[in-house]
Amino acid sequence: MKNKNLKILISGGGTGGHIFPAVSIANEIKRREPSAEILFVGAEGRMEMEKVPKAGYEIIGLPVQGFQRSLSLKNLSFFPKLVKSLSKAKKIVRDFKPDITIGTGGFASGPVVYAATKYGIPVLIQEQNSLPGVTNKILGKKADVICVAYEEAIKFFPQEKVVLTGNPIRREITEIEGKREEALKYFGLQADKPVVLVVGGSLGALAINEAVHAGYEKLTENGVQLIWQTGKSYFGKVDNVADLQKQGVVVKDFIYKMDYA
């Protein structure tokens, strides 16, 4: 009798901080169990719907959205979308029949992890931050195992479920020995000048972006080159990208080759 392939359902997204740990977990599972079937679930219109397929995995989107803490008309659609997402998440769990469900935080992981617990599927959640997000705090009560990156996060969860693991990192990012020459060529930078990498998260950080935009010349005048990830929302505000490249400032909305960076 042929052994059944391991089936893993992974959900998390909204930001790279949720997406790439999820991808790292998937990559490691595939390295150890090449026959494993992995399915991602994300939030429609969020960056995971683009980044996860680029990493080579199938993803299904839910209509779920975040709840605005300030008064907002967007909150009127929150509950209808949540109900639809819960219904769709239950169907995904029934159809895919995962052996385990993994949540890494973000809007979509809530309905998916909740649905998995309703069907008796073992659940693991992974928390990347020292101060856990709202979704993972809620899901921690339902999860079987909670993997945290920092000791400071342990107190927010049931102690008997917590394992201190650190954050999962994509293997290619840790294997950078001997890539410098390749990386300089990739970004079009000079080997005899220092390089500073500016990253304000996958979506960009406004304060960092504004500071770099206002002060990059002080660095370039002193022979420093920049690789600057702005995030999509700020990228359009940098209207002289080609000219900046000539000055040694490489501007990207998102850096796919982070190992090169």
C-alpha atoms as a PDB file:
ATOM      1  CA  MET A   1       0.000   0.000   0.000  1.00  0.00           C
ATOM      2  CA  LYS A   2       1.407   3.377  -1.032  1.00  0.00           C
ATOM      3  CA  ASN A   3       2.128   5.800   1.808  1.00  0.00           C
ATOM      4  CA  LYS A   4      -0.048   8.909   1.833  1.00  0.00           C
ATOM      5  CA  ASN A   5       1.749  12.155   0.984  1.00  0.00           C
ATOM      6  CA  LEU A   6       2.023  14.614   3.829  1.00  0.00           C
ATOM      7  CA  LYS A   7      -0.394  17.538   3.344  1.00  0.00           C
ATOM      8  CA  ILE A   8       0.406  20.926   4.842  1.00  0.00           C
ATOM      9  CA  LEU A   9      -1.920  23.938   4.826  1.00  0.00           C
ATOM     10  CA  ILE A  10      -0.107  27.233   5.466  1.00  0.00           C
ATOM     11  CA  SER A  11      -1.723  30.598   6.017  1.00  0.00           C
ATOM     12  CA  GLY A  12      -0.273  34.016   6.727  1.00  0.00           C
ATOM     13  CA  GLY A  13       0.305  37.274   4.950  1.00  0.00           C
ATOM     14  CA  GLY A  14      -0.325  40.956   4.605  1.00  0.00           C
ATOM     15  CA  THR A  15       3.365  41.782   5.029  1.00  0.00           C
ATOM     16  CA  GLY A  16       6.657  40.122   4.196  1.00  0.00           C
ATOM     17  CA  GLY A  17       7.142  39.531   7.919  1.00  0.00           C
ATOM     18  CA  HIS A  18       4.323  36.994   7.787  1.00  0.00           C
ATOM     19  CA  ILE A  19       4.821  35.726   4.231  1.00  0.00           C
ATOM     20  CA  PHE A  20       8.518  34.890   4.087  1.00  0.00           C
ATOM     21  CA  PRO A  21       8.667  32.906   7.337  1.00  0.00           C
ATOM     22  CA  ALA A  22       5.753  30.894   5.898  1.00  0.00           C
ATOM     23  CA  VAL A  23       7.666  30.350   2.647  1.00  0.00           C
ATOM     24  CA  SER A  24      10.780  29.389   4.635  1.00  0.00           C
ATOM     25  CA  ILE A  25       8.785  26.783   6.544  1.00  0.00           C
ATOM     26  CA  ALA A  26       7.370  25.427   3.274  1.00  0.00           C
ATOM     27  CA  ASN A  27      10.839  25.253   1.707  1.00  0.00           C
ATOM     28  CA  GLU A  28      12.230  23.321   4.655  1.00  0.00           C
ATOM     29  CA  ILE A  29       9.302  20.885   4.619  1.00  0.00           C
ATOM     30  CA  LYS A  30       9.888  20.270   0.891  1.00  0.00           C
ATOM     31  CA  ARG A  31      13.613  19.793   1.507  1.00  0.00           C
ATOM     32  CA  ARG A  32      12.897  17.124   4.105  1.00  0.00           C
ATOM     33  CA  GLU A  33       9.772  15.661   2.461  1.00  0.00           C
ATOM     34  CA  PRO A  34       9.916  16.297  -1.310  1.00  0.00           C
ATOM     35  CA  SER A  35       6.601  14.503  -1.822  1.00  0.00           C
ATOM     36  CA  ALA A  36       4.741  16.747   0.649  1.00  0.00           C
ATOM     37  CA  GLU A  37       1.739  18.649  -0.745  1.00  0.00           C
ATOM     38  CA  ILE A  38       1.673  22.280   0.384  1.00  0.00           C
ATOM     39  CA  LEU A  39      -1.186  24.718  -0.101  1.00  0.00           C
ATOM     40  CA  PHE A  40      -1.125  28.366   0.975  1.00  0.00           C
ATOM     41  CA  VAL A  41      -4.113  30.520   1.858  1.00  0.00           C
ATOM     42  CA  GLY A  42      -3.839  34.315   1.805  1.00  0.00           C
ATOM     43  CA  ALA A  43      -5.941  37.457   1.679  1.00  0.00           C
ATOM     44  CA  GLU A  44      -7.191  38.652  -1.702  1.00  0.00           C
ATOM     45  CA  GLY A  45      -5.366  41.727  -2.978  1.00  0.00           C
ATOM     46  CA  ARG A  46      -2.500  41.395  -0.488  1.00  0.00           C
ATOM     47  CA  MET A  47       1.140  40.849  -1.381  1.00  0.00           C
ATOM     48  CA  GLU A  48       1.113  37.103  -0.617  1.00  0.00           C
ATOM     49  CA  MET A  49      -1.037  36.545  -3.705  1.00  0.00           C
ATOM     50  CA  GLU A  50       1.988  37.616  -5.774  1.00  0.00           C
ATOM     51  CA  LYS A  51       4.948  36.531  -3.610  1.00  0.00           C
ATOM     52  CA  VAL A  52       3.847  32.968  -2.812  1.00  0.00           C
ATOM     53  CA  PRO A  53       3.380  31.861  -6.471  1.00  0.00           C
ATOM     54  CA  LYS A  54       6.783  33.413  -7.243  1.00  0.00           C
ATOM     55  CA  ALA A  55       8.203  31.105  -4.586  1.00  0.00           C
ATOM     56  CA  GLY A  56       6.640  28.161  -6.412  1.00  0.00           C
ATOM     57  CA  TYR A  57       3.574  27.412  -4.299  1.00  0.00           C
ATOM     58  CA  GLU A  58      -0.160  27.386  -4.976  1.00  0.00           C
ATOM     59  CA  ILE A  59      -2.234  29.905  -3.033  1.00  0.00           C
ATOM     60  CA  ILE A  60      -5.966  30.487  -2.567  1.00  0.00           C
ATOM     61  CA  GLY A  61      -7.254  33.928  -1.580  1.00  0.00           C
ATOM     62  CA  LEU A  62      -9.894  34.784   1.011  1.00  0.00           C
ATOM     63  CA  PRO A  63     -11.902  38.049   0.919  1.00  0.00           C
ATOM     64  CA  VAL A  64     -10.921  38.766   4.550  1.00  0.00           C
ATOM     65  CA  GLN A  65      -9.681  42.242   5.533  1.00  0.00           C
ATOM     66  CA  GLY A  66      -8.263  43.875   8.638  1.00  0.00           C
ATOM     67  CA  PHE A  67     -10.400  45.731  11.178  1.00  0.00           C
ATOM     68  CA  GLN A  68      -9.581  49.445  11.346  1.00  0.00           C
ATOM     69  CA  ARG A  69      -9.087  50.555  14.940  1.00  0.00           C
ATOM     70  CA  SER A  70     -10.087  54.119  14.066  1.00  0.00           C
ATOM     71  CA  LEU A  71     -13.562  54.995  12.756  1.00  0.00           C
ATOM     72  CA  SER A  72     -13.652  53.935   9.121  1.00  0.00           C
ATOM     73  CA  LEU A  73     -16.298  53.058   6.531  1.00  0.00           C
ATOM     74  CA  LYS A  74     -14.123  50.053   5.634  1.00  0.00           C
ATOM     75  CA  ASN A  75     -15.270  48.403   8.868  1.00  0.00           C
ATOM     76  CA  LEU A  76     -18.798  48.097   7.444  1.00  0.00           C
ATOM     77  CA  SER A  77     -17.567  45.352   5.124  1.00  0.00           C
ATOM     78  CA  PHE A  78     -15.363  43.650   7.731  1.00  0.00           C
ATOM     79  CA  PHE A  79     -17.951  41.249   9.177  1.00  0.00           C
ATOM     80  CA  PRO A  80     -19.575  40.175   5.866  1.00  0.00           C
ATOM     81  CA  LYS A  81     -16.104  39.442   4.471  1.00  0.00           C
ATOM     82  CA  LEU A  82     -15.140  37.596   7.645  1.00  0.00           C
ATOM     83  CA  VAL A  83     -18.226  35.363   7.385  1.00  0.00           C
ATOM     84  CA  LYS A  84     -17.451  34.618   3.698  1.00  0.00           C
ATOM     85  CA  SER A  85     -13.825  33.907   4.570  1.00  0.00           C
ATOM     86  CA  LEU A  86     -14.757  31.495   7.364  1.00  0.00           C
ATOM     87  CA  SER A  87     -17.069  29.626   5.007  1.00  0.00           C
ATOM     88  CA  LYS A  88     -14.422  29.447   2.277  1.00  0.00           C
ATOM     89  CA  ALA A  89     -11.712  28.433   4.774  1.00  0.00           C
ATOM     90  CA  LYS A  90     -13.878  25.536   6.006  1.00  0.00           C
ATOM     91  CA  LYS A  91     -14.345  24.362   2.417  1.00  0.00           C
ATOM     92  CA  ILE A  92     -10.584  24.547   1.782  1.00  0.00           C
ATOM     93  CA  VAL A  93      -9.887  22.454   4.884  1.00  0.00           C
ATOM     94  CA  ARG A  94     -12.561  19.896   3.932  1.00  0.00           C
ATOM     95  CA  ASP A  95     -11.331  19.610   0.340  1.00  0.00           C
ATOM     96  CA  PHE A  96      -7.563  19.628   0.986  1.00  0.00           C
ATOM     97  CA  LYS A  97      -7.700  17.490   4.163  1.00  0.00           C
ATOM     98  CA  PRO A  98      -4.386  18.714   5.626  1.00  0.00           C
ATOM     99  CA  ASP A  99      -2.404  16.686   8.154  1.00  0.00           C
ATOM    100  CA  ILE A 100      -1.409  19.926   9.856  1.00  0.00           C
ATOM    101  CA  THR A 101      -2.234  23.622   9.499  1.00  0.00           C
ATOM    102  CA  ILE A 102       0.400  26.310  10.060  1.00  0.00           C
ATOM    103  CA  GLY A 103      -0.444  29.968  10.682  1.00  0.00           C
ATOM    104  CA  THR A 104       2.146  32.740  10.590  1.00  0.00           C
ATOM    105  CA  GLY A 105      -0.128  35.692  11.351  1.00  0.00           C
ATOM    106  CA  GLY A 106      -1.996  38.219   9.249  1.00  0.00           C
ATOM    107  CA  PHE A 107      -5.646  38.540   8.200  1.00  0.00           C
ATOM    108  CA  ALA A 108      -6.049  35.224   6.401  1.00  0.00           C
ATOM    109  CA  SER A 109      -4.564  32.962   9.053  1.00  0.00           C
ATOM    110  CA  GLY A 110      -7.464  33.641  11.437  1.00  0.00           C
ATOM    111  CA  PRO A 111     -10.264  31.956   9.427  1.00  0.00           C
ATOM    112  CA  VAL A 112      -7.971  29.144   8.246  1.00  0.00           C
ATOM    113  CA  VAL A 113      -6.628  28.195  11.664  1.00  0.00           C
ATOM    114  CA  TYR A 114     -10.100  28.494  13.191  1.00  0.00           C
ATOM    115  CA  ALA A 115     -11.538  26.211  10.493  1.00  0.00           C
ATOM    116  CA  ALA A 116      -8.751  23.679  11.028  1.00  0.00           C
ATOM    117  CA  THR A 117      -9.451  23.466  14.763  1.00  0.00           C
ATOM    118  CA  LYS A 118     -13.143  22.878  14.043  1.00  0.00           C
ATOM    119  CA  TYR A 119     -12.221  19.815  11.978  1.00  0.00           C
ATOM    120  CA  GLY A 120      -9.715  18.519  14.522  1.00  0.00           C
ATOM    121  CA  ILE A 121      -6.633  19.298  12.398  1.00  0.00           C
ATOM    122  CA  PRO A 122      -3.448  19.850  14.456  1.00  0.00           C
ATOM    123  CA  VAL A 123      -2.439  23.531  14.396  1.00  0.00           C
ATOM    124  CA  LEU A 124       0.945  25.221  14.757  1.00  0.00           C
ATOM    125  CA  ILE A 125       1.343  28.987  14.773  1.00  0.00           C
ATOM    126  CA  GLN A 126       4.605  30.858  14.336  1.00  0.00           C
ATOM    127  CA  GLU A 127       5.097  34.312  15.868  1.00  0.00           C
ATOM    128  CA  GLN A 128       7.899  36.441  14.415  1.00  0.00           C
ATOM    129  CA  ASN A 129       7.792  39.381  16.818  1.00  0.00           C
ATOM    130  CA  SER A 130       8.529  40.049  20.476  1.00  0.00           C
ATOM    131  CA  LEU A 131       5.069  41.644  20.707  1.00  0.00           C
ATOM    132  CA  PRO A 132       2.628  39.234  19.012  1.00  0.00           C
ATOM    133  CA  GLY A 133       0.017  40.456  16.555  1.00  0.00           C
ATOM    134  CA  VAL A 134      -3.688  40.394  17.386  1.00  0.00           C
ATOM    135  CA  THR A 135      -4.420  37.387  15.152  1.00  0.00           C
ATOM    136  CA  ASN A 136      -1.791  35.143  16.733  1.00  0.00           C
ATOM    137  CA  LYS A 137      -2.765  36.203  20.258  1.00  0.00           C
ATOM    138  CA  ILE A 138      -6.309  35.008  19.573  1.00  0.00           C
ATOM    139  CA  LEU A 139      -5.224  31.849  17.731  1.00  0.00           C
ATOM    140  CA  GLY A 140      -2.775  30.921  20.479  1.00  0.00           C
ATOM    141  CA  LYS A 141      -5.693  29.715  22.588  1.00  0.00           C
ATOM    142  CA  LYS A 142      -6.671  27.229  19.865  1.00  0.00           C
ATOM    143  CA  ALA A 143      -3.238  26.144  18.608  1.00  0.00           C
ATOM    144  CA  ASP A 144      -1.514  22.919  19.619  1.00  0.00           C
ATOM    145  CA  VAL A 145       2.013  24.353  19.337  1.00  0.00           C
ATOM    146  CA  ILE A 146       3.221  27.965  19.286  1.00  0.00           C
ATOM    147  CA  CYS A 147       6.697  28.686  17.917  1.00  0.00           C
ATOM    148  CA  VAL A 148       8.091  32.052  19.007  1.00  0.00           C
ATOM    149  CA  ALA A 149      11.149  33.953  17.877  1.00  0.00           C
ATOM    150  CA  TYR A 150      11.811  35.845  21.109  1.00  0.00           C
ATOM    151  CA  GLU A 151      11.568  35.044  24.799  1.00  0.00           C
ATOM    152  CA  GLU A 152       9.567  38.254  25.322  1.00  0.00           C
ATOM    153  CA  ALA A 153       6.678  36.754  23.334  1.00  0.00           C
ATOM    154  CA  ILE A 154       6.264  33.689  25.555  1.00  0.00           C
ATOM    155  CA  LYS A 155       4.197  35.502  28.214  1.00  0.00           C
ATOM    156  CA  PHE A 156       1.428  36.246  25.674  1.00  0.00           C
ATOM    157  CA  PHE A 157       0.638  32.563  25.106  1.00  0.00           C
ATOM    158  CA  PRO A 158      -0.222  29.457  27.150  1.00  0.00           C
ATOM    159  CA  GLN A 159       3.232  28.487  28.454  1.00  0.00           C
ATOM    160  CA  GLU A 160       2.829  24.728  27.961  1.00  0.00           C
ATOM    161  CA  LYS A 161       2.321  25.187  24.193  1.00  0.00           C
ATOM    162  CA  VAL A 162       5.306  27.456  23.507  1.00  0.00           C
ATOM    163  CA  VAL A 163       8.573  26.459  21.839  1.00  0.00           C
ATOM    164  CA  LEU A 164      11.355  29.048  21.446  1.00  0.00           C
ATOM    165  CA  THR A 165      12.608  28.451  17.888  1.00  0.00           C
ATOM    166  CA  GLY A 166      13.754  31.799  16.492  1.00  0.00           C
ATOM    167  CA  ASN A 167      12.516  32.915  13.081  1.00  0.00           C
ATOM    168  CA  PRO A 168      12.612  30.683   9.988  1.00  0.00           C
ATOM    169  CA  ILE A 169      14.947  32.114   7.339  1.00  0.00           C
ATOM    170  CA  ARG A 170      15.110  31.160   3.682  1.00  0.00           C
ATOM    171  CA  ARG A 171      18.182  29.012   3.096  1.00  0.00           C
ATOM    172  CA  GLU A 172      19.462  31.135   0.193  1.00  0.00           C
ATOM    173  CA  ILE A 173      19.717  34.186   2.460  1.00  0.00           C
ATOM    174  CA  THR A 174      22.072  32.393   4.835  1.00  0.00           C
ATOM    175  CA  GLU A 175      24.195  30.976   2.007  1.00  0.00           C
ATOM    176  CA  ILE A 176      25.846  34.171   0.737  1.00  0.00           C
ATOM    177  CA  GLU A 177      29.513  33.194   0.729  1.00  0.00           C
ATOM    178  CA  GLY A 178      31.147  34.069  -2.594  1.00  0.00           C
ATOM    179  CA  LYS A 179      28.159  35.977  -3.999  1.00  0.00           C
ATOM    180  CA  ARG A 180      29.521  39.533  -3.674  1.00  0.00           C
ATOM    181  CA  GLU A 181      30.856  39.861  -7.212  1.00  0.00           C
ATOM    182  CA  GLU A 182      27.647  38.409  -8.633  1.00  0.00           C
ATOM    183  CA  ALA A 183      25.585  40.754  -6.455  1.00  0.00           C
ATOM    184  CA  LEU A 184      27.489  43.896  -7.485  1.00  0.00           C
ATOM    185  CA  LYS A 185      26.915  42.998 -11.124  1.00  0.00           C
ATOM    186  CA  TYR A 186      23.231  42.277 -10.468  1.00  0.00           C
ATOM    187  CA  PHE A 187      22.661  45.698  -8.876  1.00  0.00           C
ATOM    188  CA  GLY A 188      25.075  47.543 -11.166  1.00  0.00           C
ATOM    189  CA  LEU A 189      27.305  48.782  -8.342  1.00  0.00           C
ATOM    190  CA  GLN A 190      31.037  49.376  -8.085  1.00  0.00           C
ATOM    191  CA  ALA A 191      33.271  46.989  -6.161  1.00  0.00           C
ATOM    192  CA  ASP A 192      35.570  49.674  -4.727  1.00  0.00           C
ATOM    193  CA  LYS A 193      32.839  51.609  -2.868  1.00  0.00           C
ATOM    194  CA  PRO A 194      30.927  50.620   0.270  1.00  0.00           C
ATOM    195  CA  VAL A 195      27.250  49.659  -0.008  1.00  0.00           C
ATOM    196  CA  VAL A 196      24.446  50.436   2.451  1.00  0.00           C
ATOM    197  CA  LEU A 197      21.211  48.442   2.329  1.00  0.00           C
ATOM    198  CA  VAL A 198      18.060  50.344   3.330  1.00  0.00           C
ATOM    199  CA  VAL A 199      15.022  48.197   4.120  1.00  0.00           C
ATOM    200  CA  GLY A 200      11.976  49.493   5.980  1.00  0.00           C
ATOM    201  CA  GLY A 201      10.090  46.214   5.744  1.00  0.00           C
ATOM    202  CA  SER A 202       8.504  44.683   2.649  1.00  0.00           C
ATOM    203  CA  LEU A 203       5.832  47.403   2.494  1.00  0.00           C
ATOM    204  CA  GLY A 204       8.293  50.188   3.240  1.00  0.00           C
ATOM    205  CA  ALA A 205       8.496  52.448   6.303  1.00  0.00           C
ATOM    206  CA  LEU A 206       7.489  56.054   5.618  1.00  0.00           C
ATOM    207  CA  ALA A 207       9.913  57.647   8.100  1.00  0.00           C
ATOM    208  CA  ILE A 208      12.874  55.687   6.682  1.00  0.00           C
ATOM    209  CA  ASN A 209      11.871  56.374   3.081  1.00  0.00           C
ATOM    210  CA  GLU A 210      11.480  60.106   3.678  1.00  0.00           C
ATOM    211  CA  ALA A 211      14.822  60.295   5.485  1.00  0.00           C
ATOM    212  CA  VAL A 212      16.655  58.451   2.688  1.00  0.00           C
ATOM    213  CA  HIS A 213      14.925  60.525  -0.004  1.00  0.00           C
ATOM    214  CA  ALA A 214      15.935  63.747   1.733  1.00  0.00           C
ATOM    215  CA  GLY A 215      19.484  62.747   2.611  1.00  0.00           C
ATOM    216  CA  TYR A 216      20.863  60.195   0.145  1.00  0.00           C
ATOM    217  CA  GLU A 217      23.116  62.830  -1.469  1.00  0.00           C
ATOM    218  CA  LYS A 218      25.111  63.151   1.763  1.00  0.00           C
ATOM    219  CA  LEU A 219      25.994  59.485   1.400  1.00  0.00           C
ATOM    220  CA  THR A 220      26.667  59.414  -2.338  1.00  0.00           C
ATOM    221  CA  GLU A 221      28.862  62.538  -2.091  1.00  0.00           C
ATOM    222  CA  ASN A 222      31.009  60.573   0.353  1.00  0.00           C
ATOM    223  CA  GLY A 223      31.331  57.572  -1.956  1.00  0.00           C
ATOM    224  CA  VAL A 224      28.634  55.398  -0.388  1.00  0.00           C
ATOM    225  CA  GLN A 225      26.330  53.386  -2.662  1.00  0.00           C
ATOM    226  CA  LEU A 226      22.770  52.501  -1.659  1.00  0.00           C
ATOM    227  CA  ILE A 227      20.389  49.627  -2.286  1.00  0.00           C
ATOM    228  CA  TRP A 228      17.031  51.073  -1.233  1.00  0.00           C
ATOM    229  CA  GLN A 229      13.841  49.030  -0.940  1.00  0.00           C
ATOM    230  CA  THR A 230      10.952  51.495  -0.763  1.00  0.00           C
ATOM    231  CA  GLY A 231       7.886  49.247  -0.799  1.00  0.00           C
ATOM    232  CA  LYS A 232       5.222  49.670  -3.484  1.00  0.00           C
ATOM    233  CA  SER A 233       3.411  52.631  -1.931  1.00  0.00           C
ATOM    234  CA  TYR A 234       6.478  54.885  -1.831  1.00  0.00           C
ATOM    235  CA  PHE A 235       8.193  53.735  -5.015  1.00  0.00           C
ATOM    236  CA  GLY A 236       6.094  56.025  -7.216  1.00  0.00           C
ATOM    237  CA  LYS A 237       7.275  59.062  -5.254  1.00  0.00           C
ATOM    238  CA  VAL A 238      10.850  58.453  -6.397  1.00  0.00           C
ATOM    239  CA  ASP A 239      10.593  59.905  -9.891  1.00  0.00           C
ATOM    240  CA  ASN A 240      14.280  59.932 -10.866  1.00  0.00           C
ATOM    241  CA  VAL A 241      15.138  56.254 -10.425  1.00  0.00           C
ATOM    242  CA  ALA A 242      17.344  56.045 -13.561  1.00  0.00           C
ATOM    243  CA  ASP A 243      19.330  59.140 -12.555  1.00  0.00           C
ATOM    244  CA  LEU A 244      19.773  57.823  -9.037  1.00  0.00           C
ATOM    245  CA  GLN A 245      21.212  54.570 -10.414  1.00  0.00           C
ATOM    246  CA  LYS A 246      23.969  56.585 -12.106  1.00  0.00           C
ATOM    247  CA  GLN A 247      24.801  58.087  -8.718  1.00  0.00           C
ATOM    248  CA  GLY A 248      25.019  54.662  -7.094  1.00  0.00           C
ATOM    249  CA  VAL A 249      21.509  54.530  -5.611  1.00  0.00           C
ATOM    250  CA  VAL A 250      19.566  51.422  -6.636  1.00  0.00           C
ATOM    251  CA  VAL A 251      15.848  51.908  -5.918  1.00  0.00           C
ATOM    252  CA  LYS A 252      13.523  48.883  -5.829  1.00  0.00           C
ATOM    253  CA  ASP A 253       9.932  48.585  -4.692  1.00  0.00           C
ATOM    254  CA  PHE A 254      10.786  45.039  -3.586  1.00  0.00           C
ATOM    255  CA  ILE A 255      14.057  43.094  -3.555  1.00  0.00           C
ATOM    256  CA  TYR A 256      13.564  39.514  -4.697  1.00  0.00           C
ATOM    257  CA  LYS A 257      17.275  38.669  -4.555  1.00  0.00           C
ATOM    258  CA  MET A 258      17.713  39.538  -0.896  1.00  0.00           C
ATOM    259  CA  ASP A 259      20.679  37.172  -0.676  1.00  0.00           C
ATOM    260  CA  TYR A 260      22.456  39.444  -3.184  1.00  0.00           C
ATOM    261  CA  ALA A 261      21.461  42.533  -1.221  1.00  0.00           C
END
